[in-house]
């Protein structure tokens, strides 16, 4: 299981976005926040079920391996019922694990869509309170410099490509 103190970057981003949209009083915000909470609960539930299926798959594989290695005449002896049970348990848990992983991917996709909706709500909220942002030019990223026509000198040094912070102020 995951440690309750370990929080992924994805979860921190979601929490931040949820905190940002709390300042919005619209009905849409309430629906988005409610849907995020539901998807997160469902995702946690499916994650726990997937862990259970992974453990059952490993347990059945370990039981089968134990019998195959340490017991004489394992496949043809008195333990045919145990073999059948372990194989069925392993196969069922493996199929369930694959299904749960697919469901986890679907929940992650839904959560990403909801996070994008949160971003739009937060942007709309900021624009309504602060106005439209002024566009910022992309100065200082790369200095345009003519390359020589000579094919032997195709590379430009890093110092020629990057504008230093002091040079930004002079433009």
N, C-alpha and C. Protein backbone atom coordinates (compact mmCIF):
# COMPACT_ATOMS: atom_id res chain seq x y z
N UNK A 1 0.84 -1.19 0.00
CA UNK A 1 0.00 0.00 0.00
C UNK A 1 0.88 1.24 0.00
N UNK A 2 0.29 2.33 -0.42
CA UNK A 2 1.02 3.58 -0.44
C UNK A 2 1.01 4.22 0.94
N UNK A 3 2.09 4.90 1.24
CA UNK A 3 2.18 5.64 2.48
C UNK A 3 1.27 6.86 2.39
N UNK A 4 0.50 7.13 3.43
CA UNK A 4 -0.44 8.24 3.38
C UNK A 4 0.27 9.59 3.33
N UNK A 5 1.55 9.64 3.72
CA UNK A 5 2.28 10.90 3.67
C UNK A 5 2.86 11.19 2.29
N UNK A 6 2.93 10.19 1.43
CA UNK A 6 3.49 10.37 0.10
C UNK A 6 2.37 10.84 -0.83
N UNK A 7 2.56 12.03 -1.39
CA UNK A 7 1.58 12.60 -2.28
C UNK A 7 2.25 12.84 -3.62
N UNK A 8 1.63 12.35 -4.69
CA UNK A 8 2.23 12.50 -6.01
C UNK A 8 2.08 13.94 -6.51
N UNK A 9 2.85 14.25 -7.52
CA UNK A 9 2.79 15.58 -8.14
C UNK A 9 1.39 15.81 -8.72
N UNK A 10 0.83 14.77 -9.29
CA UNK A 10 -0.51 14.85 -9.86
C UNK A 10 -1.54 15.22 -8.79
N UNK A 11 -1.43 14.60 -7.63
CA UNK A 11 -2.36 14.87 -6.53
C UNK A 11 -2.18 16.29 -5.98
N UNK A 12 -0.92 16.75 -5.91
CA UNK A 12 -0.66 18.12 -5.45
C UNK A 12 -1.24 19.13 -6.43
N UNK A 13 -1.07 18.89 -7.72
CA UNK A 13 -1.63 19.79 -8.73
C UNK A 13 -3.15 19.84 -8.64
N UNK A 14 -3.76 18.69 -8.46
CA UNK A 14 -5.22 18.63 -8.35
C UNK A 14 -5.69 19.38 -7.11
N UNK A 15 -5.00 19.19 -6.00
CA UNK A 15 -5.37 19.90 -4.77
C UNK A 15 -5.22 21.41 -4.94
N UNK A 16 -4.15 21.83 -5.61
CA UNK A 16 -3.94 23.26 -5.86
C UNK A 16 -5.06 23.84 -6.73
N UNK A 17 -5.41 23.13 -7.79
CA UNK A 17 -6.47 23.61 -8.67
C UNK A 17 -7.81 23.67 -7.95
N UNK A 18 -8.07 22.69 -7.12
CA UNK A 18 -9.31 22.70 -6.34
C UNK A 18 -9.33 23.88 -5.38
N UNK A 19 -8.19 24.19 -4.81
CA UNK A 19 -8.09 25.34 -3.91
C UNK A 19 -8.31 26.65 -4.68
N UNK A 20 -7.77 26.72 -5.89
CA UNK A 20 -7.92 27.94 -6.70
C UNK A 20 -9.37 28.21 -7.06
N UNK A 21 -10.11 27.18 -7.41
CA UNK A 21 -11.49 27.42 -7.85
C UNK A 21 -12.46 27.61 -6.69
N UNK A 22 -11.97 27.46 -5.46
CA UNK A 22 -12.86 27.71 -4.31
C UNK A 22 -13.33 29.15 -4.26
N UNK A 23 -12.58 30.07 -4.90
CA UNK A 23 -12.95 31.48 -4.89
C UNK A 23 -14.08 31.79 -5.88
N UNK A 24 -14.42 30.82 -6.71
CA UNK A 24 -15.50 30.99 -7.67
C UNK A 24 -16.80 30.52 -7.04
N UNK A 25 -17.86 31.28 -7.22
CA UNK A 25 -19.14 30.95 -6.61
C UNK A 25 -20.13 30.34 -7.60
N UNK A 26 -19.65 29.93 -8.76
CA UNK A 26 -20.55 29.44 -9.79
C UNK A 26 -21.01 28.01 -9.49
N UNK A 27 -22.09 27.63 -10.14
CA UNK A 27 -22.62 26.28 -10.01
C UNK A 27 -21.67 25.29 -10.67
N UNK A 28 -21.05 25.72 -11.76
CA UNK A 28 -20.12 24.85 -12.48
C UNK A 28 -18.96 24.43 -11.58
N UNK A 29 -18.47 25.35 -10.75
CA UNK A 29 -17.39 25.03 -9.84
C UNK A 29 -17.80 23.92 -8.88
N UNK A 30 -18.99 24.01 -8.36
CA UNK A 30 -19.48 22.99 -7.44
C UNK A 30 -19.58 21.62 -8.09
N UNK A 31 -20.05 21.63 -9.34
CA UNK A 31 -20.17 20.36 -10.06
C UNK A 31 -18.80 19.76 -10.35
N UNK A 32 -17.86 20.60 -10.76
CA UNK A 32 -16.51 20.11 -11.06
C UNK A 32 -15.84 19.58 -9.80
N UNK A 33 -15.96 20.33 -8.72
CA UNK A 33 -15.34 19.91 -7.46
C UNK A 33 -15.95 18.60 -6.96
N UNK A 34 -17.26 18.47 -7.07
CA UNK A 34 -17.94 17.25 -6.65
C UNK A 34 -17.51 16.06 -7.52
N UNK A 35 -17.40 16.28 -8.81
CA UNK A 35 -17.00 15.22 -9.73
C UNK A 35 -15.55 14.79 -9.48
N UNK A 36 -14.67 15.74 -9.20
CA UNK A 36 -13.28 15.41 -8.90
C UNK A 36 -13.21 14.55 -7.65
N UNK A 37 -13.95 14.93 -6.62
CA UNK A 37 -13.94 14.16 -5.37
C UNK A 37 -14.44 12.73 -5.63
N UNK A 38 -15.48 12.60 -6.45
CA UNK A 38 -16.03 11.26 -6.74
C UNK A 38 -15.03 10.42 -7.52
N UNK A 39 -14.40 11.01 -8.53
CA UNK A 39 -13.43 10.26 -9.34
C UNK A 39 -12.23 9.87 -8.49
N UNK A 40 -11.79 10.74 -7.59
CA UNK A 40 -10.67 10.39 -6.71
C UNK A 40 -11.03 9.25 -5.77
N UNK A 41 -12.25 9.26 -5.22
CA UNK A 41 -12.68 8.14 -4.36
C UNK A 41 -12.73 6.84 -5.15
N UNK A 42 -13.32 6.90 -6.34
CA UNK A 42 -13.40 5.70 -7.17
C UNK A 42 -12.02 5.19 -7.55
N UNK A 43 -11.12 6.11 -7.86
CA UNK A 43 -9.76 5.71 -8.24
C UNK A 43 -9.04 5.03 -7.07
N UNK A 44 -9.21 5.57 -5.86
CA UNK A 44 -8.61 4.94 -4.68
C UNK A 44 -9.16 3.54 -4.45
N UNK A 45 -10.46 3.38 -4.62
CA UNK A 45 -11.10 2.07 -4.44
C UNK A 45 -10.58 1.06 -5.46
N UNK A 46 -10.50 1.47 -6.71
CA UNK A 46 -10.02 0.57 -7.75
C UNK A 46 -8.54 0.27 -7.55
N UNK A 47 -7.76 1.25 -7.09
CA UNK A 47 -6.34 1.01 -6.82
C UNK A 47 -6.17 -0.04 -5.73
N UNK A 48 -6.99 0.01 -4.69
CA UNK A 48 -6.92 -0.99 -3.62
C UNK A 48 -7.30 -2.37 -4.14
N UNK A 49 -8.33 -2.42 -4.97
CA UNK A 49 -8.75 -3.71 -5.55
C UNK A 49 -7.65 -4.26 -6.46
N UNK A 50 -6.98 -3.38 -7.20
CA UNK A 50 -5.89 -3.83 -8.08
C UNK A 50 -4.73 -4.38 -7.24
N UNK A 51 -4.43 -3.73 -6.12
CA UNK A 51 -3.37 -4.25 -5.24
C UNK A 51 -3.75 -5.63 -4.69
N UNK A 52 -5.01 -5.79 -4.33
CA UNK A 52 -5.48 -7.09 -3.84
C UNK A 52 -5.32 -8.16 -4.91
N UNK A 53 -5.70 -7.83 -6.14
CA UNK A 53 -5.57 -8.80 -7.23
C UNK A 53 -4.10 -9.11 -7.53
N UNK A 54 -3.25 -8.12 -7.43
CA UNK A 54 -1.82 -8.36 -7.64
C UNK A 54 -1.27 -9.29 -6.56
N UNK A 55 -1.70 -9.08 -5.32
CA UNK A 55 -1.25 -9.95 -4.24
C UNK A 55 -1.80 -11.37 -4.39
N UNK A 56 -3.05 -11.49 -4.81
CA UNK A 56 -3.61 -12.83 -5.02
C UNK A 56 -2.92 -13.56 -6.17
N UNK A 57 -2.59 -12.83 -7.22
CA UNK A 57 -1.86 -13.43 -8.34
C UNK A 57 -0.50 -13.93 -7.87
N UNK A 58 0.20 -13.10 -7.12
CA UNK A 58 1.51 -13.49 -6.60
C UNK A 58 1.40 -14.66 -5.63
N UNK A 59 0.39 -14.65 -4.79
CA UNK A 59 0.20 -15.74 -3.82
C UNK A 59 -0.09 -17.06 -4.53
N UNK A 60 -0.93 -17.03 -5.54
CA UNK A 60 -1.24 -18.27 -6.25
C UNK A 60 -0.01 -18.77 -7.03
N UNK A 61 0.75 -17.86 -7.61
CA UNK A 61 1.98 -18.26 -8.31
C UNK A 61 2.99 -18.85 -7.33
N UNK A 62 3.11 -18.24 -6.15
CA UNK A 62 4.03 -18.77 -5.15
C UNK A 62 3.57 -20.14 -4.66
N UNK A 63 2.28 -20.33 -4.46
CA UNK A 63 1.77 -21.63 -4.03
C UNK A 63 1.99 -22.70 -5.09
N UNK A 64 1.77 -22.36 -6.34
CA UNK A 64 2.00 -23.30 -7.42
C UNK A 64 3.50 -23.64 -7.53
N UNK A 65 4.35 -22.63 -7.42
CA UNK A 65 5.79 -22.86 -7.50
C UNK A 65 6.28 -23.71 -6.32
N UNK A 66 5.75 -23.45 -5.14
CA UNK A 66 6.11 -24.24 -3.97
C UNK A 66 5.78 -25.71 -4.20
N UNK A 67 4.57 -25.97 -4.67
CA UNK A 67 4.17 -27.36 -4.91
C UNK A 67 4.99 -28.01 -6.01
N UNK A 68 5.27 -27.27 -7.07
CA UNK A 68 6.02 -27.84 -8.20
C UNK A 68 7.46 -28.15 -7.83
N UNK A 69 8.05 -27.34 -6.99
CA UNK A 69 9.46 -27.52 -6.65
C UNK A 69 9.65 -28.47 -5.48
N UNK A 70 8.84 -28.36 -4.46
CA UNK A 70 9.10 -29.08 -3.22
C UNK A 70 8.28 -30.36 -3.02
N UNK A 71 7.30 -30.64 -3.85
CA UNK A 71 6.51 -31.85 -3.66
C UNK A 71 6.77 -32.84 -4.79
N UNK A 72 6.89 -34.08 -4.42
CA UNK A 72 7.07 -35.13 -5.41
C UNK A 72 5.74 -35.41 -6.10
N UNK A 73 5.80 -35.62 -7.39
CA UNK A 73 4.64 -36.00 -8.17
C UNK A 73 3.49 -35.00 -7.99
N UNK A 74 3.83 -33.72 -8.02
CA UNK A 74 2.86 -32.64 -7.73
C UNK A 74 1.69 -32.62 -8.70
N UNK A 75 1.97 -32.74 -9.98
CA UNK A 75 0.90 -32.63 -10.98
C UNK A 75 0.00 -33.85 -11.02
N UNK A 76 0.50 -34.99 -10.61
CA UNK A 76 -0.27 -36.23 -10.74
C UNK A 76 -0.67 -36.84 -9.40
N UNK A 77 -0.32 -36.20 -8.33
CA UNK A 77 -0.58 -36.78 -7.01
C UNK A 77 -1.95 -36.41 -6.48
N UNK A 78 -2.04 -36.44 -5.16
CA UNK A 78 -3.30 -36.20 -4.47
C UNK A 78 -3.68 -34.71 -4.47
N UNK A 79 -2.78 -33.85 -4.86
CA UNK A 79 -3.02 -32.41 -4.76
C UNK A 79 -3.60 -31.80 -6.04
N UNK A 80 -4.25 -32.58 -6.90
CA UNK A 80 -4.80 -32.05 -8.14
C UNK A 80 -5.84 -30.97 -7.87
N UNK A 81 -6.60 -31.10 -6.76
CA UNK A 81 -7.60 -30.08 -6.41
C UNK A 81 -6.93 -28.76 -6.06
N UNK A 82 -5.84 -28.83 -5.32
CA UNK A 82 -5.10 -27.62 -4.94
C UNK A 82 -4.50 -26.96 -6.18
N UNK A 83 -3.97 -27.76 -7.09
CA UNK A 83 -3.40 -27.22 -8.33
C UNK A 83 -4.47 -26.48 -9.11
N UNK A 84 -5.62 -27.13 -9.27
CA UNK A 84 -6.72 -26.52 -10.01
C UNK A 84 -7.18 -25.23 -9.34
N UNK A 85 -7.28 -25.25 -8.03
CA UNK A 85 -7.69 -24.06 -7.28
C UNK A 85 -6.68 -22.93 -7.44
N UNK A 86 -5.40 -23.24 -7.32
CA UNK A 86 -4.37 -22.21 -7.48
C UNK A 86 -4.36 -21.63 -8.89
N UNK A 87 -4.52 -22.47 -9.88
CA UNK A 87 -4.54 -21.99 -11.26
C UNK A 87 -5.76 -21.10 -11.53
N UNK A 88 -6.91 -21.53 -11.04
CA UNK A 88 -8.12 -20.73 -11.23
C UNK A 88 -8.04 -19.40 -10.50
N UNK A 89 -7.53 -19.44 -9.27
CA UNK A 89 -7.37 -18.21 -8.51
C UNK A 89 -6.38 -17.27 -9.19
N UNK A 90 -5.28 -17.80 -9.65
CA UNK A 90 -4.27 -16.99 -10.33
C UNK A 90 -4.80 -16.39 -11.61
N UNK A 91 -5.49 -17.17 -12.41
CA UNK A 91 -6.03 -16.68 -13.67
C UNK A 91 -7.12 -15.63 -13.44
N UNK A 92 -8.01 -15.90 -12.51
CA UNK A 92 -9.09 -14.95 -12.21
C UNK A 92 -8.53 -13.63 -11.69
N UNK A 93 -7.56 -13.71 -10.79
CA UNK A 93 -6.99 -12.47 -10.25
C UNK A 93 -6.17 -11.73 -11.29
N UNK A 94 -5.53 -12.45 -12.20
CA UNK A 94 -4.77 -11.79 -13.27
C UNK A 94 -5.71 -11.08 -14.25
N UNK A 95 -6.81 -11.73 -14.60
CA UNK A 95 -7.80 -11.08 -15.48
C UNK A 95 -8.40 -9.86 -14.79
N UNK A 96 -8.71 -9.98 -13.51
CA UNK A 96 -9.25 -8.85 -12.76
C UNK A 96 -8.24 -7.72 -12.66
N UNK A 97 -6.98 -8.07 -12.48
CA UNK A 97 -5.93 -7.05 -12.40
C UNK A 97 -5.85 -6.25 -13.69
N UNK A 98 -5.90 -6.93 -14.82
CA UNK A 98 -5.86 -6.24 -16.12
C UNK A 98 -7.08 -5.32 -16.27
N UNK A 99 -8.24 -5.81 -15.87
CA UNK A 99 -9.45 -4.99 -15.96
C UNK A 99 -9.35 -3.77 -15.04
N UNK A 100 -8.85 -3.96 -13.83
CA UNK A 100 -8.70 -2.83 -12.91
C UNK A 100 -7.67 -1.82 -13.41
N UNK A 101 -6.62 -2.29 -14.05
CA UNK A 101 -5.63 -1.36 -14.60
C UNK A 101 -6.25 -0.52 -15.72
N UNK A 102 -7.08 -1.15 -16.54
CA UNK A 102 -7.79 -0.40 -17.58
C UNK A 102 -8.73 0.63 -16.97
N UNK A 103 -9.42 0.24 -15.90
CA UNK A 103 -10.31 1.17 -15.22
C UNK A 103 -9.53 2.32 -14.58
N UNK A 104 -8.36 2.02 -14.02
CA UNK A 104 -7.52 3.08 -13.46
C UNK A 104 -7.10 4.08 -14.54
N UNK A 105 -6.76 3.57 -15.71
CA UNK A 105 -6.39 4.48 -16.80
C UNK A 105 -7.58 5.35 -17.22
N UNK A 106 -8.78 4.78 -17.22
CA UNK A 106 -9.97 5.56 -17.56
C UNK A 106 -10.23 6.64 -16.51
N UNK A 107 -10.05 6.29 -15.23
CA UNK A 107 -10.23 7.30 -14.17
C UNK A 107 -9.17 8.39 -14.26
N UNK A 108 -7.95 8.03 -14.60
CA UNK A 108 -6.89 9.03 -14.72
C UNK A 108 -7.19 9.99 -15.88
N UNK A 109 -7.71 9.43 -16.97
CA UNK A 109 -8.08 10.26 -18.12
C UNK A 109 -9.20 11.22 -17.73
N UNK A 110 -10.19 10.72 -17.01
CA UNK A 110 -11.29 11.57 -16.55
C UNK A 110 -10.79 12.65 -15.60
N UNK A 111 -9.90 12.28 -14.70
CA UNK A 111 -9.34 13.26 -13.77
C UNK A 111 -8.53 14.32 -14.51
N UNK A 112 -7.79 13.93 -15.52
CA UNK A 112 -7.04 14.91 -16.33
C UNK A 112 -8.00 15.87 -17.04
N UNK A 113 -9.11 15.34 -17.54
CA UNK A 113 -10.10 16.20 -18.18
C UNK A 113 -10.70 17.18 -17.18
N UNK A 114 -10.98 16.71 -15.97
CA UNK A 114 -11.53 17.59 -14.94
C UNK A 114 -10.51 18.63 -14.47
N UNK A 115 -9.25 18.23 -14.43
CA UNK A 115 -8.20 19.20 -14.06
C UNK A 115 -8.10 20.30 -15.11
N UNK A 116 -8.23 19.94 -16.38
CA UNK A 116 -8.22 20.95 -17.45
C UNK A 116 -9.42 21.88 -17.30
N UNK A 117 -10.56 21.34 -16.92
CA UNK A 117 -11.74 22.16 -16.68
C UNK A 117 -11.49 23.11 -15.50
N UNK A 118 -10.80 22.62 -14.48
CA UNK A 118 -10.43 23.48 -13.34
C UNK A 118 -9.52 24.61 -13.78
N UNK A 119 -8.57 24.30 -14.64
CA UNK A 119 -7.67 25.34 -15.14
C UNK A 119 -8.46 26.43 -15.88
N UNK A 120 -9.42 26.01 -16.71
CA UNK A 120 -10.23 27.00 -17.43
C UNK A 120 -11.05 27.84 -16.45
N UNK A 121 -11.62 27.20 -15.42
CA UNK A 121 -12.38 27.95 -14.41
C UNK A 121 -11.48 28.93 -13.67
N UNK A 122 -10.29 28.50 -13.31
CA UNK A 122 -9.36 29.38 -12.59
C UNK A 122 -8.93 30.54 -13.48
N UNK A 123 -8.68 30.27 -14.75
CA UNK A 123 -8.30 31.34 -15.68
C UNK A 123 -9.43 32.34 -15.84
N UNK A 124 -10.65 31.84 -15.99
CA UNK A 124 -11.81 32.73 -16.11
C UNK A 124 -11.98 33.57 -14.86
N UNK A 125 -11.79 32.94 -13.71
CA UNK A 125 -11.91 33.65 -12.44
C UNK A 125 -10.85 34.75 -12.32
N UNK A 126 -9.61 34.42 -12.66
CA UNK A 126 -8.54 35.42 -12.58
C UNK A 126 -8.78 36.57 -13.57
N UNK A 127 -9.22 36.24 -14.77
CA UNK A 127 -9.49 37.29 -15.76
C UNK A 127 -10.65 38.18 -15.33
N UNK A 128 -11.65 37.62 -14.66
CA UNK A 128 -12.78 38.43 -14.22
C UNK A 128 -12.39 39.34 -13.06
N UNK A 129 -11.46 38.92 -12.25
CA UNK A 129 -11.03 39.73 -11.10
C UNK A 129 -9.88 40.67 -11.43
N UNK A 130 -8.96 40.22 -12.28
CA UNK A 130 -7.75 40.99 -12.55
C UNK A 130 -7.67 41.56 -13.96
N UNK A 131 -8.55 41.14 -14.83
CA UNK A 131 -8.50 41.58 -16.22
C UNK A 131 -7.64 40.65 -17.05
N UNK A 132 -7.64 40.91 -18.34
CA UNK A 132 -6.85 40.10 -19.26
C UNK A 132 -5.37 40.33 -19.01
N UNK A 133 -4.57 39.28 -19.07
CA UNK A 133 -3.12 39.46 -18.89
C UNK A 133 -2.54 40.12 -20.13
N UNK A 134 -1.50 40.90 -19.91
CA UNK A 134 -0.85 41.52 -21.06
C UNK A 134 0.14 40.52 -21.63
N UNK A 135 0.22 40.49 -22.94
CA UNK A 135 1.13 39.52 -23.57
C UNK A 135 2.58 39.86 -23.30
N UNK A 136 3.36 38.86 -23.04
CA UNK A 136 4.79 39.06 -22.77
C UNK A 136 5.58 38.51 -23.94
N UNK A 137 6.49 39.29 -24.47
CA UNK A 137 7.33 38.78 -25.57
C UNK A 137 8.31 37.73 -25.05
N UNK A 138 8.71 36.86 -25.91
CA UNK A 138 9.65 35.80 -25.53
C UNK A 138 11.08 36.25 -25.75
N UNK A 139 11.45 37.36 -25.17
CA UNK A 139 12.83 37.84 -25.29
C UNK A 139 13.71 37.05 -24.36
N UNK A 140 14.96 36.91 -24.76
CA UNK A 140 15.92 36.26 -23.89
C UNK A 140 15.99 34.76 -24.06
N UNK A 141 15.19 34.18 -24.93
CA UNK A 141 15.23 32.74 -25.08
C UNK A 141 16.36 32.37 -26.02
N UNK A 142 16.32 32.87 -27.23
CA UNK A 142 17.37 32.58 -28.20
C UNK A 142 17.65 33.86 -28.98
N UNK A 143 18.90 34.21 -29.12
CA UNK A 143 19.28 35.38 -29.89
C UNK A 143 19.40 34.95 -31.34
N UNK A 144 18.73 35.68 -32.22
CA UNK A 144 18.81 35.36 -33.63
C UNK A 144 20.16 35.83 -34.15
N UNK A 145 20.86 34.93 -34.76
CA UNK A 145 22.17 35.26 -35.30
C UNK A 145 22.30 34.55 -36.62
N UNK A 146 22.77 35.27 -37.58
CA UNK A 146 22.97 34.69 -38.90
C UNK A 146 24.06 33.63 -38.83
N UNK A 147 23.77 32.49 -39.38
CA UNK A 147 24.78 31.44 -39.49
C UNK A 147 25.51 31.63 -40.80
N UNK A 148 26.75 31.34 -40.77
CA UNK A 148 27.53 31.50 -42.01
C UNK A 148 27.11 30.44 -43.02
N UNK A 149 27.31 30.75 -44.25
CA UNK A 149 26.94 29.84 -45.33
C UNK A 149 27.90 28.67 -45.39
N UNK A 150 29.03 28.83 -44.81
CA UNK A 150 30.05 27.79 -44.82
C UNK A 150 29.50 26.56 -44.11
N UNK A 151 29.47 25.42 -44.77
CA UNK A 151 28.91 24.19 -44.19
C UNK A 151 29.80 23.62 -43.10
N UNK A 152 31.05 24.00 -43.05
CA UNK A 152 31.93 23.49 -42.01
C UNK A 152 31.62 24.11 -40.66
N UNK A 153 31.01 25.28 -40.66
CA UNK A 153 30.73 25.98 -39.40
C UNK A 153 29.21 26.00 -39.21
N UNK A 154 28.66 24.84 -38.88
CA UNK A 154 27.21 24.71 -38.73
C UNK A 154 26.76 24.92 -37.30
N UNK A 155 27.65 24.84 -36.34
CA UNK A 155 27.26 24.95 -34.93
C UNK A 155 27.54 26.33 -34.40
N UNK A 156 26.73 26.77 -33.47
CA UNK A 156 26.91 28.05 -32.80
C UNK A 156 27.12 27.74 -31.33
N UNK A 157 28.04 28.43 -30.69
CA UNK A 157 28.32 28.14 -29.29
C UNK A 157 27.14 28.55 -28.41
N UNK A 158 27.08 27.96 -27.23
CA UNK A 158 25.97 28.23 -26.31
C UNK A 158 25.95 29.68 -25.89
N UNK A 159 27.09 30.31 -25.76
CA UNK A 159 27.11 31.71 -25.35
C UNK A 159 26.53 32.62 -26.42
N UNK A 160 26.58 32.21 -27.68
CA UNK A 160 25.99 33.01 -28.74
C UNK A 160 24.48 32.80 -28.82
N UNK A 161 23.98 31.68 -28.33
CA UNK A 161 22.56 31.35 -28.46
C UNK A 161 21.71 31.91 -27.32
N UNK A 162 22.26 32.02 -26.13
CA UNK A 162 21.47 32.40 -24.97
C UNK A 162 21.73 33.84 -24.61
N UNK A 163 20.67 34.57 -24.35
CA UNK A 163 20.78 35.94 -23.90
C UNK A 163 20.89 35.94 -22.39
N UNK A 164 21.86 36.62 -21.86
CA UNK A 164 22.06 36.68 -20.42
C UNK A 164 21.05 37.62 -19.79
N UNK A 165 20.73 37.45 -18.50
CA UNK A 165 19.75 38.31 -17.85
C UNK A 165 20.10 39.79 -17.93
N UNK A 166 21.35 40.16 -17.89
CA UNK A 166 21.76 41.55 -18.00
C UNK A 166 21.43 42.12 -19.38
N UNK A 167 21.48 41.28 -20.38
CA UNK A 167 21.18 41.73 -21.74
C UNK A 167 19.69 41.95 -21.93
N UNK A 168 18.87 41.27 -21.11
CA UNK A 168 17.44 41.48 -21.21
C UNK A 168 17.06 42.91 -20.84
N UNK A 169 17.73 43.46 -19.86
CA UNK A 169 17.42 44.79 -19.38
C UNK A 169 17.82 45.85 -20.40
N UNK A 170 18.82 45.55 -21.24
CA UNK A 170 19.28 46.56 -22.17
C UNK A 170 18.39 46.63 -23.41
N UNK A 171 17.55 45.62 -23.68
CA UNK A 171 16.69 45.63 -24.86
C UNK A 171 15.45 46.40 -24.67
